[in-house]
Amino acid sequence: MAGKSAGFAIGIGIEDGASAGLDAIDKRIAATTAPADRFNKSLANFGDATGINRAAKGIEHPVSDATMAALRQFLRGKG
């Protein structure tokens, strides 16, 4: 068979046993935390819809500033 080359195929395969186990663990963790994640998202949406989040942000700094001022006065012995 002059002019013709003989062909052959080489196959390379890798078996990964660790990934399947890790994927299964990830799925179990996701299934376990999914209800809490949905609740937190729903609570955040509720706070946005009712304006509670906006009101809380509005009073957060004045309250924390007043608390810190009162604490400073107390620690100085002037409270």
PDB file of N, CA and C in Angstrom:
ATOM      1  N   MET A   1       0.820  -1.169   0.000  1.00  0.00           N
ATOM      2  CA  MET A   1       0.000   0.000   0.000  1.00  0.00           C
ATOM      3  C   MET A   1       0.871   1.241   0.000  1.00  0.00           C
ATOM      4  N   ALA A   2       1.500   1.464  -1.027  1.00  0.00           N
ATOM      5  CA  ALA A   2       2.360   2.629  -1.145  1.00  0.00           C
ATOM      6  C   ALA A   2       1.511   3.877  -1.261  1.00  0.00           C
ATOM      7  N   GLY A   3       1.931   4.932  -0.582  1.00  0.00           N
ATOM      8  CA  GLY A   3       1.208   6.198  -0.661  1.00  0.00           C
ATOM      9  C   GLY A   3       0.067   6.322   0.329  1.00  0.00           C
ATOM     10  N   LYS A   4      -0.288   5.248   0.975  1.00  0.00           N
ATOM     11  CA  LYS A   4      -1.369   5.305   1.961  1.00  0.00           C
ATOM     12  C   LYS A   4      -0.775   5.058   3.337  1.00  0.00           C
ATOM     13  N   SER A   5      -1.264   5.828   4.308  1.00  0.00           N
ATOM     14  CA  SER A   5      -0.796   5.595   5.672  1.00  0.00           C
ATOM     15  C   SER A   5      -1.889   4.883   6.454  1.00  0.00           C
ATOM     16  N   ALA A   6      -1.460   4.067   7.348  1.00  0.00           N
ATOM     17  CA  ALA A   6      -2.419   3.351   8.192  1.00  0.00           C
ATOM     18  C   ALA A   6      -2.898   4.301   9.280  1.00  0.00           C
ATOM     19  N   GLY A   7      -4.187   4.389   9.521  1.00  0.00           N
ATOM     20  CA  GLY A   7      -4.743   5.282  10.542  1.00  0.00           C
ATOM     21  C   GLY A   7      -5.041   4.535  11.829  1.00  0.00           C
ATOM     22  N   PHE A   8      -4.936   5.247  12.909  1.00  0.00           N
ATOM     23  CA  PHE A   8      -5.281   4.675  14.188  1.00  0.00           C
ATOM     24  C   PHE A   8      -5.800   5.797  15.093  1.00  0.00           C
ATOM     25  N   ALA A   9      -6.548   5.453  16.082  1.00  0.00           N
ATOM     26  CA  ALA A   9      -7.151   6.424  16.990  1.00  0.00           C
ATOM     27  C   ALA A   9      -6.607   6.212  18.393  1.00  0.00           C
ATOM     28  N   ILE A  10      -6.428   7.299  19.066  1.00  0.00           N
ATOM     29  CA  ILE A  10      -5.990   7.250  20.453  1.00  0.00           C
ATOM     30  C   ILE A  10      -7.084   7.903  21.291  1.00  0.00           C
ATOM     31  N   GLY A  11      -7.533   7.207  22.278  1.00  0.00           N
ATOM     32  CA  GLY A  11      -8.560   7.745  23.170  1.00  0.00           C
ATOM     33  C   GLY A  11      -7.979   7.981  24.556  1.00  0.00           C
ATOM     34  N   ILE A  12      -8.272   9.140  25.114  1.00  0.00           N
ATOM     35  CA  ILE A  12      -7.807   9.468  26.460  1.00  0.00           C
ATOM     36  C   ILE A  12      -9.036   9.789  27.303  1.00  0.00           C
ATOM     37  N   GLY A  13      -9.126   9.178  28.439  1.00  0.00           N
ATOM     38  CA  GLY A  13     -10.262   9.427  29.324  1.00  0.00           C
ATOM     39  C   GLY A  13      -9.805   9.614  30.755  1.00  0.00           C
ATOM     40  N   ILE A  14     -10.536  10.433  31.468  1.00  0.00           N
ATOM     41  CA  ILE A  14     -10.240  10.685  32.878  1.00  0.00           C
ATOM     42  C   ILE A  14     -11.513  10.448  33.672  1.00  0.00           C
ATOM     43  N   GLU A  15     -11.400   9.703  34.721  1.00  0.00           N
ATOM     44  CA  GLU A  15     -12.557   9.465  35.573  1.00  0.00           C
ATOM     45  C   GLU A  15     -12.399  10.283  36.842  1.00  0.00           C
ATOM     46  N   ASP A  16     -13.389  11.120  37.101  1.00  0.00           N
ATOM     47  CA  ASP A  16     -13.343  12.006  38.260  1.00  0.00           C
ATOM     48  C   ASP A  16     -14.436  11.574  39.229  1.00  0.00           C
ATOM     49  N   GLY A  17     -14.040  10.963  40.307  1.00  0.00           N
ATOM     50  CA  GLY A  17     -15.012  10.501  41.283  1.00  0.00           C
ATOM     51  C   GLY A  17     -15.332  11.531  42.344  1.00  0.00           C
ATOM     52  N   ALA A  18     -14.469  12.506  42.520  1.00  0.00           N
ATOM     53  CA  ALA A  18     -14.662  13.500  43.579  1.00  0.00           C
ATOM     54  C   ALA A  18     -15.724  14.526  43.219  1.00  0.00           C
ATOM     55  N   SER A  19     -15.770  14.949  41.965  1.00  0.00           N
ATOM     56  CA  SER A  19     -16.708  16.002  41.565  1.00  0.00           C
ATOM     57  C   SER A  19     -18.155  15.595  41.791  1.00  0.00           C
ATOM     58  N   ALA A  20     -18.486  14.373  41.496  1.00  0.00           N
ATOM     59  CA  ALA A  20     -19.864  13.918  41.677  1.00  0.00           C
ATOM     60  C   ALA A  20     -20.267  13.990  43.146  1.00  0.00           C
ATOM     61  N   GLY A  21     -19.382  13.597  44.030  1.00  0.00           N
ATOM     62  CA  GLY A  21     -19.675  13.664  45.461  1.00  0.00           C
ATOM     63  C   GLY A  21     -19.815  15.099  45.943  1.00  0.00           C
ATOM     64  N   LEU A  22     -18.912  15.967  45.483  1.00  0.00           N
ATOM     65  CA  LEU A  22     -18.994  17.378  45.877  1.00  0.00           C
ATOM     66  C   LEU A  22     -20.252  18.041  45.332  1.00  0.00           C
ATOM     67  N   ASP A  23     -20.623  17.705  44.097  1.00  0.00           N
ATOM     68  CA  ASP A  23     -21.858  18.244  43.525  1.00  0.00           C
ATOM     69  C   ASP A  23     -23.074  17.804  44.331  1.00  0.00           C
ATOM     70  N   ALA A  24     -23.076  16.576  44.786  1.00  0.00           N
ATOM     71  CA  ALA A  24     -24.189  16.074  45.590  1.00  0.00           C
ATOM     72  C   ALA A  24     -24.270  16.823  46.922  1.00  0.00           C
ATOM     73  N   ILE A  25     -23.125  17.084  47.535  1.00  0.00           N
ATOM     74  CA  ILE A  25     -23.099  17.848  48.795  1.00  0.00           C
ATOM     75  C   ILE A  25     -23.606  19.266  48.568  1.00  0.00           C
ATOM     76  N   ASP A  26     -23.150  19.890  47.480  1.00  0.00           N
ATOM     77  CA  ASP A  26     -23.606  21.251  47.162  1.00  0.00           C
ATOM     78  C   ASP A  26     -25.119  21.299  46.978  1.00  0.00           C
ATOM     79  N   LYS A  27     -25.665  20.292  46.296  1.00  0.00           N
ATOM     80  CA  LYS A  27     -27.119  20.248  46.073  1.00  0.00           C
ATOM     81  C   LYS A  27     -27.868  20.097  47.394  1.00  0.00           C
ATOM     82  N   ARG A  28     -27.332  19.265  48.311  1.00  0.00           N
ATOM     83  CA  ARG A  28     -27.983  19.092  49.615  1.00  0.00           C
ATOM     84  C   ARG A  28     -27.936  20.378  50.434  1.00  0.00           C
ATOM     85  N   ILE A  29     -26.804  21.059  50.395  1.00  0.00           N
ATOM     86  CA  ILE A  29     -26.684  22.329  51.122  1.00  0.00           C
ATOM     87  C   ILE A  29     -27.657  23.353  50.546  1.00  0.00           C
ATOM     88  N   ALA A  30     -27.717  23.448  49.228  1.00  0.00           N
ATOM     89  CA  ALA A  30     -28.635  24.389  48.583  1.00  0.00           C
ATOM     90  C   ALA A  30     -30.087  24.067  48.937  1.00  0.00           C
ATOM     91  N   ALA A  31     -30.432  22.790  48.966  1.00  0.00           N
ATOM     92  CA  ALA A  31     -31.797  22.399  49.314  1.00  0.00           C
ATOM     93  C   ALA A  31     -32.107  22.729  50.768  1.00  0.00           C
ATOM     94  N   THR A  32     -31.106  22.625  51.632  1.00  0.00           N
ATOM     95  CA  THR A  32     -31.295  22.906  53.051  1.00  0.00           C
ATOM     96  C   THR A  32     -31.461  24.399  53.311  1.00  0.00           C
ATOM     97  N   THR A  33     -30.689  25.206  52.624  1.00  0.00           N
ATOM     98  CA  THR A  33     -30.721  26.655  52.866  1.00  0.00           C
ATOM     99  C   THR A  33     -31.746  27.390  52.008  1.00  0.00           C
ATOM    100  N   ALA A  34     -32.324  26.721  51.023  1.00  0.00           N
ATOM    101  CA  ALA A  34     -33.265  27.372  50.117  1.00  0.00           C
ATOM    102  C   ALA A  34     -34.457  28.013  50.841  1.00  0.00           C
ATOM    103  N   PRO A  35     -35.103  27.345  51.800  1.00  0.00           N
ATOM    104  CA  PRO A  35     -36.241  27.991  52.472  1.00  0.00           C
ATOM    105  C   PRO A  35     -35.836  29.284  53.191  1.00  0.00           C
ATOM    106  N   ALA A  36     -34.697  29.282  53.857  1.00  0.00           N
ATOM    107  CA  ALA A  36     -34.250  30.490  54.549  1.00  0.00           C
ATOM    108  C   ALA A  36     -33.907  31.583  53.549  1.00  0.00           C
ATOM    109  N   ASP A  37     -33.301  31.224  52.441  1.00  0.00           N
ATOM    110  CA  ASP A  37     -32.977  32.210  51.408  1.00  0.00           C
ATOM    111  C   ASP A  37     -34.249  32.841  50.840  1.00  0.00           C
ATOM    112  N   ARG A  38     -35.252  31.999  50.581  1.00  0.00           N
ATOM    113  CA  ARG A  38     -36.527  32.529  50.061  1.00  0.00           C
ATOM    114  C   ARG A  38     -37.194  33.434  51.086  1.00  0.00           C
ATOM    115  N   PHE A  39     -37.160  33.047  52.359  1.00  0.00           N
ATOM    116  CA  PHE A  39     -37.756  33.873  53.410  1.00  0.00           C
ATOM    117  C   PHE A  39     -37.062  35.223  53.496  1.00  0.00           C
ATOM    118  N   ASN A  40     -35.719  35.226  53.485  1.00  0.00           N
ATOM    119  CA  ASN A  40     -34.981  36.485  53.560  1.00  0.00           C
ATOM    120  C   ASN A  40     -35.294  37.390  52.380  1.00  0.00           C
ATOM    121  N   LYS A  41     -35.391  36.796  51.192  1.00  0.00           N
ATOM    122  CA  LYS A  41     -35.717  37.583  50.004  1.00  0.00           C
ATOM    123  C   LYS A  41     -37.132  38.156  50.110  1.00  0.00           C
ATOM    124  N   SER A  42     -38.068  37.341  50.574  1.00  0.00           N
ATOM    125  CA  SER A  42     -39.450  37.811  50.736  1.00  0.00           C
ATOM    126  C   SER A  42     -39.527  38.918  51.784  1.00  0.00           C
ATOM    127  N   LEU A  43     -38.791  38.767  52.869  1.00  0.00           N
ATOM    128  CA  LEU A  43     -38.784  39.784  53.913  1.00  0.00           C
ATOM    129  C   LEU A  43     -38.199  41.095  53.405  1.00  0.00           C
ATOM    130  N   ALA A  44     -37.134  41.006  52.620  1.00  0.00           N
ATOM    131  CA  ALA A  44     -36.537  42.209  52.036  1.00  0.00           C
ATOM    132  C   ALA A  44     -37.515  42.884  51.080  1.00  0.00           C
ATOM    133  N   ASN A  45     -38.202  42.087  50.263  1.00  0.00           N
ATOM    134  CA  ASN A  45     -39.201  42.654  49.348  1.00  0.00           C
ATOM    135  C   ASN A  45     -40.338  43.307  50.119  1.00  0.00           C
ATOM    136  N   PHE A  46     -40.772  42.682  51.208  1.00  0.00           N
ATOM    137  CA  PHE A  46     -41.825  43.253  52.043  1.00  0.00           C
ATOM    138  C   PHE A  46     -41.378  44.592  52.629  1.00  0.00           C
ATOM    139  N   GLY A  47     -40.141  44.635  53.131  1.00  0.00           N
ATOM    140  CA  GLY A  47     -39.615  45.870  53.689  1.00  0.00           C
ATOM    141  C   GLY A  47     -39.518  46.974  52.657  1.00  0.00           C
ATOM    142  N   ASP A  48     -39.148  46.616  51.442  1.00  0.00           N
ATOM    143  CA  ASP A  48     -39.085  47.607  50.369  1.00  0.00           C
ATOM    144  C   ASP A  48     -40.485  48.099  49.996  1.00  0.00           C
ATOM    145  N   ALA A  49     -41.429  47.173  49.892  1.00  0.00           N
ATOM    146  CA  ALA A  49     -42.784  47.525  49.473  1.00  0.00           C
ATOM    147  C   ALA A  49     -43.502  48.385  50.515  1.00  0.00           C
ATOM    148  N   THR A  50     -43.261  48.126  51.778  1.00  0.00           N
ATOM    149  CA  THR A  50     -43.962  48.871  52.825  1.00  0.00           C
ATOM    150  C   THR A  50     -43.221  50.137  53.248  1.00  0.00           C
ATOM    151  N   GLY A  51     -41.970  50.293  52.835  1.00  0.00           N
ATOM    152  CA  GLY A  51     -41.198  51.466  53.218  1.00  0.00           C
ATOM    153  C   GLY A  51     -40.460  51.307  54.534  1.00  0.00           C
ATOM    154  N   ILE A  52     -40.543  50.139  55.130  1.00  0.00           N
ATOM    155  CA  ILE A  52     -39.874  49.909  56.410  1.00  0.00           C
ATOM    156  C   ILE A  52     -38.365  50.042  56.261  1.00  0.00           C
ATOM    157  N   ASN A  53     -37.820  49.492  55.191  1.00  0.00           N
ATOM    158  CA  ASN A  53     -36.370  49.576  54.985  1.00  0.00           C
ATOM    159  C   ASN A  53     -35.919  51.030  54.860  1.00  0.00           C
ATOM    160  N   ARG A  54     -36.677  51.808  54.130  1.00  0.00           N
ATOM    161  CA  ARG A  54     -36.329  53.226  53.932  1.00  0.00           C
ATOM    162  C   ARG A  54     -36.419  53.986  55.252  1.00  0.00           C
ATOM    163  N   ALA A  55     -37.436  53.716  56.025  1.00  0.00           N
ATOM    164  CA  ALA A  55     -37.586  54.382  57.321  1.00  0.00           C
ATOM    165  C   ALA A  55     -36.458  53.985  58.264  1.00  0.00           C
ATOM    166  N   ALA A  56     -36.096  52.727  58.250  1.00  0.00           N
ATOM    167  CA  ALA A  56     -35.018  52.260  59.123  1.00  0.00           C
ATOM    168  C   ALA A  56     -33.697  52.927  58.764  1.00  0.00           C
ATOM    169  N   LYS A  57     -33.436  53.074  57.477  1.00  0.00           N
ATOM    170  CA  LYS A  57     -32.200  53.738  57.056  1.00  0.00           C
ATOM    171  C   LYS A  57     -32.232  55.210  57.441  1.00  0.00           C
ATOM    172  N   GLY A  58     -33.414  55.808  57.439  1.00  0.00           N
ATOM    173  CA  GLY A  58     -33.544  57.216  57.788  1.00  0.00           C
ATOM    174  C   GLY A  58     -33.243  57.501  59.247  1.00  0.00           C
ATOM    175  N   ILE A  59     -33.549  56.558  60.122  1.00  0.00           N
ATOM    176  CA  ILE A  59     -33.303  56.801  61.550  1.00  0.00           C
ATOM    177  C   ILE A  59     -32.037  56.120  62.052  1.00  0.00           C
ATOM    178  N   GLU A  60     -31.422  55.330  61.213  1.00  0.00           N
ATOM    179  CA  GLU A  60     -30.249  54.569  61.652  1.00  0.00           C
ATOM    180  C   GLU A  60     -29.116  55.480  62.118  1.00  0.00           C
ATOM    181  N   HIS A  61     -28.748  56.439  61.325  1.00  0.00           N
ATOM    182  CA  HIS A  61     -27.616  57.294  61.677  1.00  0.00           C
ATOM    183  C   HIS A  61     -27.918  58.238  62.841  1.00  0.00           C
ATOM    184  N   PRO A  62     -29.057  58.941  62.861  1.00  0.00           N
ATOM    185  CA  PRO A  62     -29.328  59.806  64.015  1.00  0.00           C
ATOM    186  C   PRO A  62     -29.384  59.032  65.335  1.00  0.00           C
ATOM    187  N   VAL A  63     -29.975  57.851  65.319  1.00  0.00           N
ATOM    188  CA  VAL A  63     -30.074  57.064  66.544  1.00  0.00           C
ATOM    189  C   VAL A  63     -28.698  56.591  66.980  1.00  0.00           C
ATOM    190  N   SER A  64     -27.907  56.103  66.033  1.00  0.00           N
ATOM    191  CA  SER A  64     -26.577  55.625  66.414  1.00  0.00           C
ATOM    192  C   SER A  64     -25.698  56.786  66.858  1.00  0.00           C
ATOM    193  N   ASP A  65     -25.848  57.957  66.255  1.00  0.00           N
ATOM    194  CA  ASP A  65     -25.071  59.126  66.681  1.00  0.00           C
ATOM    195  C   ASP A  65     -25.461  59.541  68.092  1.00  0.00           C
ATOM    196  N   ALA A  66     -26.771  59.558  68.377  1.00  0.00           N
ATOM    197  CA  ALA A  66     -27.242  59.939  69.705  1.00  0.00           C
ATOM    198  C   ALA A  66     -26.799  58.914  70.752  1.00  0.00           C
ATOM    199  N   THR A  67     -26.848  57.658  70.389  1.00  0.00           N
ATOM    200  CA  THR A  67     -26.418  56.604  71.307  1.00  0.00           C
ATOM    201  C   THR A  67     -24.930  56.742  71.630  1.00  0.00           C
ATOM    202  N   MET A  68     -24.134  56.990  70.615  1.00  0.00           N
ATOM    203  CA  MET A  68     -22.695  57.145  70.835  1.00  0.00           C
ATOM    204  C   MET A  68     -22.405  58.383  71.691  1.00  0.00           C
ATOM    205  N   ALA A  69     -23.127  59.476  71.467  1.00  0.00           N
ATOM    206  CA  ALA A  69     -22.919  60.687  72.271  1.00  0.00           C
ATOM    207  C   ALA A  69     -23.277  60.426  73.727  1.00  0.00           C
ATOM    208  N   ALA A  70     -24.389  59.739  73.960  1.00  0.00           N
ATOM    209  CA  ALA A  70     -24.785  59.420  75.323  1.00  0.00           C
ATOM    210  C   ALA A  70     -23.782  58.493  75.987  1.00  0.00           C
ATOM    211  N   LEU A  71     -23.267  57.537  75.261  1.00  0.00           N
ATOM    212  CA  LEU A  71     -22.279  56.614  75.789  1.00  0.00           C
ATOM    213  C   LEU A  71     -20.987  57.351  76.140  1.00  0.00           C
ATOM    214  N   ARG A  72     -20.581  58.295  75.292  1.00  0.00           N
ATOM    215  CA  ARG A  72     -19.376  59.087  75.588  1.00  0.00           C
ATOM    216  C   ARG A  72     -19.557  59.884  76.875  1.00  0.00           C
ATOM    217  N   GLN A  73     -20.728  60.493  77.008  1.00  0.00           N
ATOM    218  CA  GLN A  73     -20.999  61.280  78.214  1.00  0.00           C
ATOM    219  C   GLN A  73     -20.971  60.378  79.462  1.00  0.00           C
ATOM    220  N   PHE A  74     -21.559  59.225  79.338  1.00  0.00           N
ATOM    221  CA  PHE A  74     -21.606  58.283  80.469  1.00  0.00           C
ATOM    222  C   PHE A  74     -20.197  57.861  80.854  1.00  0.00           C
ATOM    223  N   LEU A  75     -19.388  57.529  79.860  1.00  0.00           N
ATOM    224  CA  LEU A  75     -18.033  57.069  80.140  1.00  0.00           C
ATOM    225  C   LEU A  75     -17.148  58.174  80.718  1.00  0.00           C
ATOM    226  N   ARG A  76     -17.461  59.404  80.404  1.00  0.00           N
ATOM    227  CA  ARG A  76     -16.715  60.523  80.955  1.00  0.00           C
ATOM    228  C   ARG A  76     -17.155  60.843  82.393  1.00  0.00           C
ATOM    229  N   GLY A  77     -18.258  60.241  82.807  1.00  0.00           N
ATOM    230  CA  GLY A  77     -18.760  60.482  84.160  1.00  0.00           C
ATOM    231  C   GLY A  77     -19.680  61.680  84.256  1.00  0.00           C
ATOM    232  N   LYS A  78     -20.163  62.139  83.093  1.00  0.00           N
ATOM    233  CA  LYS A  78     -21.047  63.301  83.084  1.00  0.00           C
ATOM    234  C   LYS A  78     -22.497  62.893  82.858  1.00  0.00           C
ATOM    235  N   GLY A  79     -22.766  61.623  82.918  1.00  0.00           N
ATOM    236  CA  GLY A  79     -24.107  61.140  82.619  1.00  0.00           C
ATOM    237  C   GLY A  79     -24.874  60.955  83.806  1.00  0.00           C
TER     238      GLY A  79
END
